[in-house]
C-alpha atoms as a PDB file:
ATOM      1  CA  MET A   1      22.349  60.373 112.943  1.00  0.00           C
ATOM      2  CA  LEU A   2      21.715  64.122 112.877  1.00  0.00           C
ATOM      3  CA  GLN A   3      20.113  63.893 109.413  1.00  0.00           C
ATOM      4  CA  THR A   4      17.884  61.043 110.623  1.00  0.00           C
ATOM      5  CA  MET A   5      16.835  63.069 113.667  1.00  0.00           C
ATOM      6  CA  ARG A   6      15.982  66.075 111.491  1.00  0.00           C
ATOM      7  CA  LYS A   7      13.821  63.988 109.198  1.00  0.00           C
ATOM      8  CA  ILE A   8      12.057  62.355 112.152  1.00  0.00           C
ATOM      9  CA  GLU A   9      11.459  65.769 113.722  1.00  0.00           C
ATOM     10  CA  GLU A  10       9.978  67.055 110.441  1.00  0.00           C
ATOM     11  CA  GLY A  11       7.657  64.056 110.359  1.00  0.00           C
ATOM     12  CA  LEU A  12       6.637  64.579 113.975  1.00  0.00           C
ATOM     13  CA  GLN A  13       5.832  68.215 113.270  1.00  0.00           C
ATOM     14  CA  GLU A  14       3.649  67.137 110.359  1.00  0.00           C
ATOM     15  CA  LEU A  15       1.888  64.402 112.344  1.00  0.00           C
ATOM     16  CA  PHE A  16       1.572  66.418 115.557  1.00  0.00           C
ATOM     17  CA  PRO A  17       0.884  70.074 114.698  1.00  0.00           C
ATOM     18  CA  ASP A  18       0.604  70.936 118.415  1.00  0.00           C
ATOM     19  CA  ILE A  19       4.318  70.332 119.058  1.00  0.00           C
ATOM     20  CA  ASP A  20       5.365  73.701 117.614  1.00  0.00           C
ATOM     21  CA  ASP A  21       6.521  74.989 120.995  1.00  0.00           C
ATOM     22  CA  MET A  22       7.872  71.625 122.198  1.00  0.00           C
ATOM     23  CA  VAL A  23      11.597  70.949 122.013  1.00  0.00           C
ATOM     24  CA  ILE A  24      12.188  67.550 120.400  1.00  0.00           C
ATOM     25  CA  SER A  25      15.421  65.860 121.429  1.00  0.00           C
ATOM     26  CA  THR A  26      16.836  62.349 121.529  1.00  0.00           C
ATOM     27  CA  GLU A  27      15.466  62.087 125.088  1.00  0.00           C
ATOM     28  CA  THR A  28      11.867  63.012 124.178  1.00  0.00           C
ATOM     29  CA  GLN A  29       9.596  60.057 124.837  1.00  0.00           C
ATOM     30  CA  LEU A  30       6.959  59.344 122.225  1.00  0.00           C
ATOM     31  CA  GLU A  31       4.255  59.222 124.882  1.00  0.00           C
ATOM     32  CA  GLU A  32       5.108  62.876 125.742  1.00  0.00           C
ATOM     33  CA  LEU A  33       3.899  64.016 122.305  1.00  0.00           C
ATOM     34  CA  PRO A  34       0.534  65.803 122.352  1.00  0.00           C
ATOM     35  CA  ASP A  35      -2.344  63.454 121.506  1.00  0.00           C
ATOM     36  CA  TRP A  36      -0.073  60.362 121.441  1.00  0.00           C
ATOM     37  CA  ASP A  37      -2.196  57.218 121.206  1.00  0.00           C
ATOM     38  CA  SER A  38      -2.300  53.942 119.295  1.00  0.00           C
ATOM     39  CA  MET A  39      -3.465  55.666 116.109  1.00  0.00           C
ATOM     40  CA  SER A  40      -0.547  58.093 116.373  1.00  0.00           C
ATOM     41  CA  ALA A  41       1.787  55.121 116.632  1.00  0.00           C
ATOM     42  CA  VAL A  42       0.342  53.684 113.414  1.00  0.00           C
ATOM     43  CA  ASN A  43       0.719  57.042 111.652  1.00  0.00           C
ATOM     44  CA  LEU A  44       4.317  57.381 112.849  1.00  0.00           C
ATOM     45  CA  GLN A  45       5.038  53.808 111.781  1.00  0.00           C
ATOM     46  CA  SER A  46       3.747  54.572 108.275  1.00  0.00           C
ATOM     47  CA  PHE A  47       5.775  57.783 108.092  1.00  0.00           C
ATOM     48  CA  LEU A  48       8.985  56.042 109.186  1.00  0.00           C
ATOM     49  CA  GLU A  49       8.519  53.167 106.749  1.00  0.00           C
ATOM     50  CA  GLN A  50       7.893  55.511 103.815  1.00  0.00           C
ATOM     51  CA  ALA A  51      10.531  58.102 104.707  1.00  0.00           C
ATOM     52  CA  PHE A  52      13.330  55.656 105.493  1.00  0.00           C
ATOM     53  CA  SER A  53      12.363  52.509 103.524  1.00  0.00           C
ATOM     54  CA  VAL A  54      12.497  50.310 106.623  1.00  0.00           C
ATOM     55  CA  THR A  55      10.085  47.958 108.337  1.00  0.00           C
ATOM     56  CA  VAL A  56       9.024  49.115 111.784  1.00  0.00           C
ATOM     57  CA  PRO A  57       7.221  46.520 113.908  1.00  0.00           C
ATOM     58  CA  GLN A  58       4.130  47.992 115.566  1.00  0.00           C
ATOM     59  CA  ASP A  59       5.162  46.722 118.998  1.00  0.00           C
ATOM     60  CA  PHE A  60       8.389  48.720 118.696  1.00  0.00           C
ATOM     61  CA  LEU A  61       6.413  51.968 118.946  1.00  0.00           C
ATOM     62  CA  ASP A  62       4.042  50.612 121.622  1.00  0.00           C
ATOM     63  CA  GLU A  63       6.817  50.455 124.205  1.00  0.00           C
ATOM     64  CA  GLU A  64       8.164  53.525 125.985  1.00  0.00           C
ATOM     65  CA  LYS A  65      10.583  54.736 123.326  1.00  0.00           C
ATOM     66  CA  THR A  66      12.506  57.949 122.958  1.00  0.00           C
ATOM     67  CA  VAL A  67      12.975  59.768 119.678  1.00  0.00           C
ATOM     68  CA  GLY A  68      16.677  58.888 119.958  1.00  0.00           C
ATOM     69  CA  GLU A  69      15.866  55.176 120.180  1.00  0.00           C
ATOM     70  CA  VAL A  70      13.674  55.473 117.100  1.00  0.00           C
ATOM     71  CA  ALA A  71      16.480  57.273 115.243  1.00  0.00           C
ATOM     72  CA  ALA A  72      19.009  54.605 116.273  1.00  0.00           C
ATOM     73  CA  PHE A  73      16.629  51.883 115.095  1.00  0.00           C
ATOM     74  CA  ILE A  74      16.240  53.627 111.722  1.00  0.00           C
ATOM     75  CA  LYS A  75      19.998  54.176 111.449  1.00  0.00           C
ATOM     76  CA  ALA A  76      20.535  50.447 112.066  1.00  0.00           C
ATOM     77  CA  GLY A  77      18.241  49.631 109.137  1.00  0.00           C
ATOM     78  CA  GLY A  78      15.047  48.772 110.963  1.00  0.00           C
ATOM     79  CA  SER A  79      13.963  45.259 111.786  1.00  0.00           C
END
């Protein structure tokens, strides 16, 4: 799961340039990310689907999710 977390963190840094000084962990909630909104969720969904070849339902990212929950979902193969 460490490799999955690293790849997710790289994607978050690309999508959210303002997180440079933020520590991303499995407990970080998506809504804590700077400028998190519905468009950010769509962008993250696209990144995850392309980077991991999985299908991520939009409502999965609409709920209060942590980065660790996203990584576990990816590790399990998506939906």
